[in-house]
Amino acid sequence: MIEHPSYWTHVFTKLSKNKIAWLSGGLLTVILLSAFFAPLILSTDPYRGAMLNRLNPVLTSGHLLGTDELGRDMLTRLIYGGRISILLGMAPVILAFIIGSCIGLIAGFMGGKINMLIMRTMDVFYAFPSVLLAVSISGALGPGIVNSLLALTIVFIPQIVRVCESSTTQVRQLDFVSAAKMSGASTFSIIRVHVFPNIIGPVFVYTTSLFSVSMILGSGLSFLGLGIKPPEPEWGLMLNTLRPALYTHPGLAVLPGLFIFITSISFNLLSDCFNTAMDIKK
């Protein structure tokens, strides 16, 4: 049952042969690297505009993807915007994975009243739709990147706790865990050596599927005015500010949404590839 290093070697071997994994991973790599190294590959200031050059169409001389409502270069703002949008997609999920896995392991391994107390508390948050919960928390905390990260992290913790708790409950009932308890091993050692390696697979796959959800929710908060504040470049915020141009310059207005779609679908495809590669039966 324990996932040995050979198991992970098998997983990455299957991934290396998957063309969809290469395509989605390649797209994400290009987006991440271009956003991270934006100051090195772009000379245009994403905050500097010129009202005389506002809403220039795509392929305008000097502005490959045109300019926005304030005359700022769209390509520059889209690449810089990837920094915040991807941060909102990955950071809350990673934080929720760390916190949720710890809580889920405790709830699943200890069982009894501790399990009931933790899981009923998680059910209070899990009962609300993700969008409604994120909007409610962000509305209470106010706009800003820190508050958005906090709101999204709170949204995803209960979901990861449920997956981790369910997997842990199944594993702790197996014979090798009972044998470890009878041998006198400490609770921490049993969780670290015997339980965690066996539940990390399904929890990891589920967590990767949340990256795209988190990015879309983060962009949605910015679109509603509850996330990133102007003049920061962020794809959801850019969608909001370009709404008046939707009927006159639709090519410009849809660009931030196109970047959100490409990035989120790449995260989803890569998550599906991990799910397939980590399925022992297949």
C-alpha atoms as a PDB file:
ATOM      1  CA  MET A   1       0.000   0.000   0.000  1.00  0.00           C
ATOM      2  CA  ILE A   2       2.850   2.402   0.812  1.00  0.00           C
ATOM      3  CA  GLU A   3       3.856   4.417  -2.225  1.00  0.00           C
ATOM      4  CA  HIS A   4       7.556   3.639  -2.716  1.00  0.00           C
ATOM      5  CA  PRO A   5       9.956   5.783  -4.768  1.00  0.00           C
ATOM      6  CA  SER A   6       9.402   3.375  -7.670  1.00  0.00           C
ATOM      7  CA  TYR A   7       5.756   4.406  -7.669  1.00  0.00           C
ATOM      8  CA  TRP A   8       6.655   8.066  -8.172  1.00  0.00           C
ATOM      9  CA  THR A   9       9.169   7.076 -10.845  1.00  0.00           C
ATOM     10  CA  HIS A  10       6.343   5.292 -12.621  1.00  0.00           C
ATOM     11  CA  VAL A  11       4.109   8.365 -12.268  1.00  0.00           C
ATOM     12  CA  PHE A  12       6.648  10.748 -13.806  1.00  0.00           C
ATOM     13  CA  THR A  13       7.451   8.232 -16.536  1.00  0.00           C
ATOM     14  CA  LYS A  14       3.789   8.151 -17.542  1.00  0.00           C
ATOM     15  CA  LEU A  15       3.624  11.942 -17.408  1.00  0.00           C
ATOM     16  CA  SER A  16       6.688  12.261 -19.641  1.00  0.00           C
ATOM     17  CA  LYS A  17       4.896  10.201 -22.310  1.00  0.00           C
ATOM     18  CA  ASN A  18       1.678  12.224 -22.139  1.00  0.00           C
ATOM     19  CA  LYS A  19       1.482  14.827 -24.917  1.00  0.00           C
ATOM     20  CA  ILE A  20      -1.303  16.742 -23.167  1.00  0.00           C
ATOM     21  CA  ALA A  21       0.865  17.010 -20.044  1.00  0.00           C
ATOM     22  CA  TRP A  22       3.692  18.420 -22.141  1.00  0.00           C
ATOM     23  CA  LEU A  23       1.383  20.900 -23.874  1.00  0.00           C
ATOM     24  CA  SER A  24      -0.358  22.154 -20.725  1.00  0.00           C
ATOM     25  CA  GLY A  25       2.866  22.156 -18.733  1.00  0.00           C
ATOM     26  CA  GLY A  26       4.643  24.015 -21.528  1.00  0.00           C
ATOM     27  CA  LEU A  27       1.946  26.690 -21.697  1.00  0.00           C
ATOM     28  CA  LEU A  28       2.031  27.181 -17.929  1.00  0.00           C
ATOM     29  CA  THR A  29       5.831  27.355 -17.981  1.00  0.00           C
ATOM     30  CA  VAL A  30       5.789  30.053 -20.671  1.00  0.00           C
ATOM     31  CA  ILE A  31       3.150  32.069 -18.803  1.00  0.00           C
ATOM     32  CA  LEU A  32       4.935  31.733 -15.456  1.00  0.00           C
ATOM     33  CA  LEU A  33       8.388  32.578 -16.824  1.00  0.00           C
ATOM     34  CA  SER A  34       7.151  35.528 -18.876  1.00  0.00           C
ATOM     35  CA  ALA A  35       5.310  36.928 -15.842  1.00  0.00           C
ATOM     36  CA  PHE A  36       8.265  36.388 -13.518  1.00  0.00           C
ATOM     37  CA  PHE A  37      10.835  37.869 -15.906  1.00  0.00           C
ATOM     38  CA  ALA A  38       8.531  40.601 -17.229  1.00  0.00           C
ATOM     39  CA  PRO A  39      10.891  43.466 -16.281  1.00  0.00           C
ATOM     40  CA  LEU A  40      13.682  41.811 -18.269  1.00  0.00           C
ATOM     41  CA  ILE A  41      11.737  41.092 -21.457  1.00  0.00           C
ATOM     42  CA  LEU A  42       9.542  44.214 -21.535  1.00  0.00           C
ATOM     43  CA  SER A  43      10.652  47.830 -21.582  1.00  0.00           C
ATOM     44  CA  THR A  44       7.162  49.369 -21.362  1.00  0.00           C
ATOM     45  CA  ASP A  45       5.816  50.616 -18.031  1.00  0.00           C
ATOM     46  CA  PRO A  46       2.517  48.806 -17.269  1.00  0.00           C
ATOM     47  CA  TYR A  47       1.261  51.844 -15.318  1.00  0.00           C
ATOM     48  CA  ARG A  48       2.105  54.601 -17.804  1.00  0.00           C
ATOM     49  CA  GLY A  49      -0.692  55.599 -20.160  1.00  0.00           C
ATOM     50  CA  ALA A  50      -1.474  58.237 -22.747  1.00  0.00           C
ATOM     51  CA  MET A  51      -5.067  59.333 -23.243  1.00  0.00           C
ATOM     52  CA  LEU A  52      -4.375  60.182 -26.891  1.00  0.00           C
ATOM     53  CA  ASN A  53      -3.522  56.511 -27.497  1.00  0.00           C
ATOM     54  CA  ARG A  54      -6.428  54.965 -25.598  1.00  0.00           C
ATOM     55  CA  LEU A  55      -8.206  51.879 -26.991  1.00  0.00           C
ATOM     56  CA  ASN A  56      -5.881  51.345 -29.920  1.00  0.00           C
ATOM     57  CA  PRO A  57      -6.789  48.066 -31.681  1.00  0.00           C
ATOM     58  CA  VAL A  58      -4.715  44.902 -31.792  1.00  0.00           C
ATOM     59  CA  LEU A  59      -1.622  45.028 -34.065  1.00  0.00           C
ATOM     60  CA  THR A  60      -1.272  48.785 -33.690  1.00  0.00           C
ATOM     61  CA  SER A  61       2.275  49.955 -34.432  1.00  0.00           C
ATOM     62  CA  GLY A  62       4.258  49.857 -31.184  1.00  0.00           C
ATOM     63  CA  HIS A  63       1.423  48.069 -29.350  1.00  0.00           C
ATOM     64  CA  LEU A  64       1.084  44.457 -30.474  1.00  0.00           C
ATOM     65  CA  LEU A  65      -2.132  43.847 -28.509  1.00  0.00           C
ATOM     66  CA  GLY A  66      -3.339  47.451 -28.537  1.00  0.00           C
ATOM     67  CA  THR A  67      -3.895  49.755 -25.570  1.00  0.00           C
ATOM     68  CA  ASP A  68      -6.460  49.880 -22.772  1.00  0.00           C
ATOM     69  CA  GLU A  69      -8.930  52.567 -21.700  1.00  0.00           C
ATOM     70  CA  LEU A  70      -6.104  54.716 -20.316  1.00  0.00           C
ATOM     71  CA  GLY A  71      -3.697  54.226 -23.191  1.00  0.00           C
ATOM     72  CA  ARG A  72      -1.535  51.637 -21.401  1.00  0.00           C
ATOM     73  CA  ASP A  73       0.077  48.857 -23.425  1.00  0.00           C
ATOM     74  CA  MET A  74      -2.142  45.763 -23.234  1.00  0.00           C
ATOM     75  CA  LEU A  75       0.585  43.193 -23.837  1.00  0.00           C
ATOM     76  CA  THR A  76       2.669  44.626 -20.993  1.00  0.00           C
ATOM     77  CA  ARG A  77      -0.260  44.722 -18.594  1.00  0.00           C
ATOM     78  CA  LEU A  78      -1.368  41.199 -19.515  1.00  0.00           C
ATOM     79  CA  ILE A  79       2.089  39.766 -18.867  1.00  0.00           C
ATOM     80  CA  TYR A  80       2.527  41.691 -15.627  1.00  0.00           C
ATOM     81  CA  GLY A  81      -1.053  40.783 -14.693  1.00  0.00           C
ATOM     82  CA  GLY A  82      -0.109  37.118 -14.821  1.00  0.00           C
ATOM     83  CA  ARG A  83       1.976  37.644 -11.694  1.00  0.00           C
ATOM     84  CA  ILE A  84      -0.983  38.535  -9.506  1.00  0.00           C
ATOM     85  CA  SER A  85      -3.536  36.288 -11.213  1.00  0.00           C
ATOM     86  CA  ILE A  86      -1.335  33.192 -10.942  1.00  0.00           C
ATOM     87  CA  LEU A  87      -0.400  34.140  -7.371  1.00  0.00           C
ATOM     88  CA  LEU A  88      -4.119  34.211  -6.537  1.00  0.00           C
ATOM     89  CA  GLY A  89      -4.441  30.824  -8.212  1.00  0.00           C
ATOM     90  CA  MET A  90      -1.553  29.019  -6.538  1.00  0.00           C
ATOM     91  CA  ALA A  91      -0.757  30.599  -3.158  1.00  0.00           C
ATOM     92  CA  PRO A  92      -4.195  30.055  -1.515  1.00  0.00           C
ATOM     93  CA  VAL A  93      -4.315  26.435  -2.688  1.00  0.00           C
ATOM     94  CA  ILE A  94      -0.792  25.693  -1.430  1.00  0.00           C
ATOM     95  CA  LEU A  95      -1.574  27.277   1.946  1.00  0.00           C
ATOM     96  CA  ALA A  96      -4.888  25.412   2.127  1.00  0.00           C
ATOM     97  CA  PHE A  97      -3.090  22.164   1.225  1.00  0.00           C
ATOM     98  CA  ILE A  98      -0.617  22.575   4.099  1.00  0.00           C
ATOM     99  CA  ILE A  99      -3.218  23.602   6.666  1.00  0.00           C
ATOM    100  CA  GLY A 100      -6.001  21.325   5.423  1.00  0.00           C
ATOM    101  CA  SER A 101      -3.746  18.254   5.235  1.00  0.00           C
ATOM    102  CA  CYS A 102      -2.639  18.701   8.838  1.00  0.00           C
ATOM    103  CA  ILE A 103      -6.211  19.146  10.061  1.00  0.00           C
ATOM    104  CA  GLY A 104      -7.499  16.257   7.939  1.00  0.00           C
ATOM    105  CA  LEU A 105      -4.752  13.921   9.157  1.00  0.00           C
ATOM    106  CA  ILE A 106      -5.573  14.704  12.782  1.00  0.00           C
ATOM    107  CA  ALA A 107      -9.311  14.287  12.228  1.00  0.00           C
ATOM    108  CA  GLY A 108      -8.984  11.058  10.266  1.00  0.00           C
ATOM    109  CA  PHE A 109      -6.372   9.397  12.471  1.00  0.00           C
ATOM    110  CA  MET A 110      -7.756  10.359  15.869  1.00  0.00           C
ATOM    111  CA  GLY A 111     -11.422   9.691  15.051  1.00  0.00           C
ATOM    112  CA  GLY A 112     -14.124   9.890  17.697  1.00  0.00           C
ATOM    113  CA  LYS A 113     -15.070  13.222  19.214  1.00  0.00           C
ATOM    114  CA  ILE A 114     -12.049  15.005  17.744  1.00  0.00           C
ATOM    115  CA  ASN A 115     -13.090  13.909  14.266  1.00  0.00           C
ATOM    116  CA  MET A 116     -16.671  14.985  14.865  1.00  0.00           C
ATOM    117  CA  LEU A 117     -15.658  18.402  16.224  1.00  0.00           C
ATOM    118  CA  ILE A 118     -13.308  19.138  13.327  1.00  0.00           C
ATOM    119  CA  MET A 119     -15.532  17.826  10.549  1.00  0.00           C
ATOM    120  CA  ARG A 120     -18.706  19.527  11.802  1.00  0.00           C
ATOM    121  CA  THR A 121     -16.769  22.796  11.940  1.00  0.00           C
ATOM    122  CA  MET A 122     -15.569  22.234   8.373  1.00  0.00           C
ATOM    123  CA  ASP A 123     -19.115  21.423   7.279  1.00  0.00           C
ATOM    124  CA  VAL A 124     -20.225  24.899   8.354  1.00  0.00           C
ATOM    125  CA  PHE A 125     -17.869  26.418   5.758  1.00  0.00           C
ATOM    126  CA  TYR A 126     -18.370  23.626   3.218  1.00  0.00           C
ATOM    127  CA  ALA A 127     -22.132  24.218   3.237  1.00  0.00           C
ATOM    128  CA  PHE A 128     -21.687  27.531   1.402  1.00  0.00           C
ATOM    129  CA  PRO A 129     -20.901  27.624  -2.335  1.00  0.00           C
ATOM    130  CA  SER A 130     -17.278  28.592  -2.975  1.00  0.00           C
ATOM    131  CA  VAL A 131     -18.182  31.770  -4.840  1.00  0.00           C
ATOM    132  CA  LEU A 132     -20.603  32.975  -2.167  1.00  0.00           C
ATOM    133  CA  LEU A 133     -18.149  32.209   0.641  1.00  0.00           C
ATOM    134  CA  ALA A 134     -15.270  33.975  -1.135  1.00  0.00           C
ATOM    135  CA  VAL A 135     -17.403  37.053  -1.869  1.00  0.00           C
ATOM    136  CA  SER A 136     -18.703  37.154   1.713  1.00  0.00           C
ATOM    137  CA  ILE A 137     -15.254  36.927   3.295  1.00  0.00           C
ATOM    138  CA  SER A 138     -13.713  39.425   0.865  1.00  0.00           C
ATOM    139  CA  GLY A 139     -16.624  41.797   1.411  1.00  0.00           C
ATOM    140  CA  ALA A 140     -16.075  41.614   5.170  1.00  0.00           C
ATOM    141  CA  LEU A 141     -12.297  42.002   4.971  1.00  0.00           C
ATOM    142  CA  GLY A 142     -12.235  44.592   2.204  1.00  0.00           C
ATOM    143  CA  PRO A 143     -10.342  44.698  -1.109  1.00  0.00           C
ATOM    144  CA  GLY A 144      -6.618  44.029  -1.361  1.00  0.00           C
ATOM    145  CA  ILE A 145      -4.297  41.213  -2.341  1.00  0.00           C
ATOM    146  CA  VAL A 146      -3.689  40.007   1.238  1.00  0.00           C
ATOM    147  CA  ASN A 147      -7.403  39.860   2.014  1.00  0.00           C
ATOM    148  CA  SER A 148      -8.079  38.060  -1.279  1.00  0.00           C
ATOM    149  CA  LEU A 149      -5.421  35.449  -0.482  1.00  0.00           C
ATOM    150  CA  LEU A 150      -6.870  34.970   2.991  1.00  0.00           C
ATOM    151  CA  ALA A 151     -10.434  34.657   1.701  1.00  0.00           C
ATOM    152  CA  LEU A 152      -9.505  32.083  -0.943  1.00  0.00           C
ATOM    153  CA  THR A 153      -7.420  30.071   1.529  1.00  0.00           C
ATOM    154  CA  ILE A 154     -10.367  29.861   3.917  1.00  0.00           C
ATOM    155  CA  VAL A 155     -12.588  28.710   1.039  1.00  0.00           C
ATOM    156  CA  PHE A 156     -10.335  25.775   0.103  1.00  0.00           C
ATOM    157  CA  ILE A 157      -9.287  24.503   3.542  1.00  0.00           C
ATOM    158  CA  PRO A 158     -12.590  22.669   4.269  1.00  0.00           C
ATOM    159  CA  GLN A 159     -12.520  20.975   0.857  1.00  0.00           C
ATOM    160  CA  ILE A 160      -8.998  19.640   1.341  1.00  0.00           C
ATOM    161  CA  VAL A 161      -9.763  18.628   4.926  1.00  0.00           C
ATOM    162  CA  ARG A 162     -12.651  16.433   3.753  1.00  0.00           C
ATOM    163  CA  VAL A 163     -10.534  14.652   1.123  1.00  0.00           C
ATOM    164  CA  CYS A 164      -7.620  14.170   3.525  1.00  0.00           C
ATOM    165  CA  GLU A 165      -9.853  12.999   6.387  1.00  0.00           C
ATOM    166  CA  SER A 166     -11.625  10.462   4.178  1.00  0.00           C
ATOM    167  CA  SER A 167      -8.341   9.003   2.883  1.00  0.00           C
ATOM    168  CA  THR A 168      -6.791   8.939   6.359  1.00  0.00           C
ATOM    169  CA  THR A 169      -9.816   7.147   7.843  1.00  0.00           C
ATOM    170  CA  GLN A 170      -9.473   4.400   5.229  1.00  0.00           C
ATOM    171  CA  VAL A 171      -5.712   3.986   5.689  1.00  0.00           C
ATOM    172  CA  ARG A 172      -5.720   3.899   9.520  1.00  0.00           C
ATOM    173  CA  GLN A 173      -7.953   0.815   9.439  1.00  0.00           C
ATOM    174  CA  LEU A 174      -5.414  -1.225   7.442  1.00  0.00           C
ATOM    175  CA  ASP A 175      -3.305  -3.977   8.957  1.00  0.00           C
ATOM    176  CA  PHE A 176       0.110  -2.337   8.663  1.00  0.00           C
ATOM    177  CA  VAL A 177      -1.108   0.670  10.692  1.00  0.00           C
ATOM    178  CA  SER A 178      -2.450  -1.656  13.398  1.00  0.00           C
ATOM    179  CA  ALA A 179       0.878  -3.504  13.405  1.00  0.00           C
ATOM    180  CA  ALA A 180       2.746  -0.218  13.827  1.00  0.00           C
ATOM    181  CA  LYS A 181       0.549   0.681  16.811  1.00  0.00           C
ATOM    182  CA  MET A 182       1.139  -2.728  18.431  1.00  0.00           C
ATOM    183  CA  SER A 183       4.892  -2.344  17.948  1.00  0.00           C
ATOM    184  CA  GLY A 184       4.812   0.766  20.153  1.00  0.00           C
ATOM    185  CA  ALA A 185       5.473   3.353  17.459  1.00  0.00           C
ATOM    186  CA  SER A 186       4.448   6.904  18.372  1.00  0.00           C
ATOM    187  CA  THR A 187       1.417   8.538  16.810  1.00  0.00           C
ATOM    188  CA  PHE A 188       3.589  11.052  14.979  1.00  0.00           C
ATOM    189  CA  SER A 189       5.803   8.293  13.537  1.00  0.00           C
ATOM    190  CA  ILE A 190       2.808   6.279  12.351  1.00  0.00           C
ATOM    191  CA  ILE A 191       1.294   9.314  10.645  1.00  0.00           C
ATOM    192  CA  ARG A 192       4.595  10.356   9.078  1.00  0.00           C
ATOM    193  CA  VAL A 193       5.813   6.935   7.940  1.00  0.00           C
ATOM    194  CA  HIS A 194       2.675   4.890   7.317  1.00  0.00           C
ATOM    195  CA  VAL A 195      -0.314   7.188   6.828  1.00  0.00           C
ATOM    196  CA  PHE A 196       0.904  10.321   5.058  1.00  0.00           C
ATOM    197  CA  PRO A 197       2.688   8.527   2.160  1.00  0.00           C
ATOM    198  CA  ASN A 198      -0.538   6.663   1.406  1.00  0.00           C
ATOM    199  CA  ILE A 199      -2.892   9.652   1.397  1.00  0.00           C
ATOM    200  CA  ILE A 200      -0.664  12.217  -0.327  1.00  0.00           C
ATOM    201  CA  GLY A 201      -1.603  10.905  -3.801  1.00  0.00           C
ATOM    202  CA  PRO A 202      -5.363  11.577  -3.820  1.00  0.00           C
ATOM    203  CA  VAL A 203      -4.973  14.761  -1.775  1.00  0.00           C
ATOM    204  CA  PHE A 204      -2.307  16.077  -4.162  1.00  0.00           C
ATOM    205  CA  VAL A 205      -4.404  15.308  -7.248  1.00  0.00           C
ATOM    206  CA  TYR A 206      -7.446  17.014  -5.752  1.00  0.00           C
ATOM    207  CA  THR A 207      -5.338  20.008  -4.729  1.00  0.00           C
ATOM    208  CA  THR A 208      -3.969  20.501  -8.248  1.00  0.00           C
ATOM    209  CA  SER A 209      -7.524  20.618  -9.560  1.00  0.00           C
ATOM    210  CA  LEU A 210      -8.174  23.663  -7.350  1.00  0.00           C
ATOM    211  CA  PHE A 211      -5.537  25.891  -8.972  1.00  0.00           C
ATOM    212  CA  SER A 212      -7.794  26.884 -11.853  1.00  0.00           C
ATOM    213  CA  VAL A 213     -10.778  27.345  -9.524  1.00  0.00           C
ATOM    214  CA  SER A 214      -8.731  29.598  -7.262  1.00  0.00           C
ATOM    215  CA  MET A 215      -7.491  31.714 -10.155  1.00  0.00           C
ATOM    216  CA  ILE A 216     -11.002  32.152 -11.540  1.00  0.00           C
ATOM    217  CA  LEU A 217     -12.372  33.034  -8.093  1.00  0.00           C
ATOM    218  CA  GLY A 218      -9.533  35.501  -7.528  1.00  0.00           C
ATOM    219  CA  SER A 219     -10.145  37.139 -10.896  1.00  0.00           C
ATOM    220  CA  GLY A 220     -13.869  37.190 -10.124  1.00  0.00           C
ATOM    221  CA  LEU A 221     -13.259  39.027  -6.861  1.00  0.00           C
ATOM    222  CA  SER A 222     -11.195  41.636  -8.696  1.00  0.00           C
ATOM    223  CA  PHE A 223     -13.897  41.920 -11.361  1.00  0.00           C
ATOM    224  CA  LEU A 224     -16.449  42.662  -8.628  1.00  0.00           C
ATOM    225  CA  GLY A 225     -14.200  45.226  -6.958  1.00  0.00           C
ATOM    226  CA  LEU A 226     -13.484  42.990  -3.949  1.00  0.00           C
ATOM    227  CA  GLY A 227      -9.981  41.900  -4.908  1.00  0.00           C
ATOM    228  CA  ILE A 228      -7.039  43.724  -6.444  1.00  0.00           C
ATOM    229  CA  LYS A 229      -7.338  47.496  -6.524  1.00  0.00           C
ATOM    230  CA  PRO A 230      -6.452  49.767  -9.482  1.00  0.00           C
ATOM    231  CA  PRO A 231      -4.030  50.557 -11.038  1.00  0.00           C
ATOM    232  CA  GLU A 232      -2.485  47.109 -10.472  1.00  0.00           C
ATOM    233  CA  PRO A 233      -2.502  44.915 -13.599  1.00  0.00           C
ATOM    234  CA  GLU A 234      -4.639  41.846 -12.903  1.00  0.00           C
ATOM    235  CA  TRP A 235      -6.700  39.924 -15.440  1.00  0.00           C
ATOM    236  CA  GLY A 236     -10.012  40.075 -13.568  1.00  0.00           C
ATOM    237  CA  LEU A 237      -9.612  43.776 -12.859  1.00  0.00           C
ATOM    238  CA  MET A 238      -8.696  44.401 -16.497  1.00  0.00           C
ATOM    239  CA  LEU A 239     -11.893  42.657 -17.568  1.00  0.00           C
ATOM    240  CA  ASN A 240     -13.860  45.005 -15.346  1.00  0.00           C
ATOM    241  CA  THR A 241     -12.203  48.211 -16.541  1.00  0.00           C
ATOM    242  CA  LEU A 242     -12.573  47.190 -20.202  1.00  0.00           C
ATOM    243  CA  ARG A 243     -16.305  46.419 -19.959  1.00  0.00           C
ATOM    244  CA  PRO A 244     -17.341  49.761 -21.558  1.00  0.00           C
ATOM    245  CA  ALA A 245     -15.204  48.859 -24.582  1.00  0.00           C
ATOM    246  CA  LEU A 246     -16.869  45.486 -25.125  1.00  0.00           C
ATOM    247  CA  TYR A 247     -19.175  46.705 -27.911  1.00  0.00           C
ATOM    248  CA  THR A 248     -16.782  49.160 -29.556  1.00  0.00           C
ATOM    249  CA  HIS A 249     -13.490  47.247 -29.177  1.00  0.00           C
ATOM    250  CA  PRO A 250     -14.402  43.599 -28.413  1.00  0.00           C
ATOM    251  CA  GLY A 251     -10.953  42.366 -29.426  1.00  0.00           C
ATOM    252  CA  LEU A 252      -9.391  44.295 -26.561  1.00  0.00           C
ATOM    253  CA  ALA A 253     -12.084  43.527 -24.010  1.00  0.00           C
ATOM    254  CA  VAL A 254     -11.817  39.741 -24.367  1.00  0.00           C
ATOM    255  CA  LEU A 255      -8.014  39.509 -24.082  1.00  0.00           C
ATOM    256  CA  PRO A 256      -7.848  39.257 -20.261  1.00  0.00           C
ATOM    257  CA  GLY A 257     -10.601  36.635 -20.321  1.00  0.00           C
ATOM    258  CA  LEU A 258      -8.669  34.693 -22.962  1.00  0.00           C
ATOM    259  CA  PHE A 259      -5.578  34.651 -20.750  1.00  0.00           C
ATOM    260  CA  ILE A 260      -7.682  33.456 -17.790  1.00  0.00           C
ATOM    261  CA  PHE A 261      -9.204  30.703 -19.939  1.00  0.00           C
ATOM    262  CA  ILE A 262      -5.876  29.461 -21.341  1.00  0.00           C
ATOM    263  CA  THR A 263      -4.203  29.401 -17.929  1.00  0.00           C
ATOM    264  CA  SER A 264      -7.106  27.757 -16.114  1.00  0.00           C
ATOM    265  CA  ILE A 265      -7.631  25.096 -18.789  1.00  0.00           C
ATOM    266  CA  SER A 266      -3.894  24.333 -18.688  1.00  0.00           C
ATOM    267  CA  PHE A 267      -4.093  23.808 -14.926  1.00  0.00           C
ATOM    268  CA  ASN A 268      -7.116  21.522 -15.386  1.00  0.00           C
ATOM    269  CA  LEU A 269      -5.485  19.444 -18.120  1.00  0.00           C
ATOM    270  CA  LEU A 270      -2.283  19.041 -16.115  1.00  0.00           C
ATOM    271  CA  SER A 271      -4.327  17.990 -13.077  1.00  0.00           C
ATOM    272  CA  ASP A 272      -6.149  15.374 -15.161  1.00  0.00           C
ATOM    273  CA  CYS A 273      -2.802  14.072 -16.411  1.00  0.00           C
ATOM    274  CA  PHE A 274      -1.562  13.724 -12.836  1.00  0.00           C
ATOM    275  CA  ASN A 275      -4.782  11.922 -11.916  1.00  0.00           C
ATOM    276  CA  THR A 276      -4.325   9.449 -14.756  1.00  0.00           C
ATOM    277  CA  ALA A 277      -0.632   8.894 -14.035  1.00  0.00           C
ATOM    278  CA  MET A 278      -1.229   8.303 -10.322  1.00  0.00           C
ATOM    279  CA  ASP A 279      -4.044   5.805 -10.898  1.00  0.00           C
ATOM    280  CA  ILE A 280      -2.428   2.461 -10.109  1.00  0.00           C
ATOM    281  CA  LYS A 281      -5.278   0.477 -11.701  1.00  0.00           C
ATOM    282  CA  LYS A 282      -4.737   2.197 -15.047  1.00  0.00           C
END
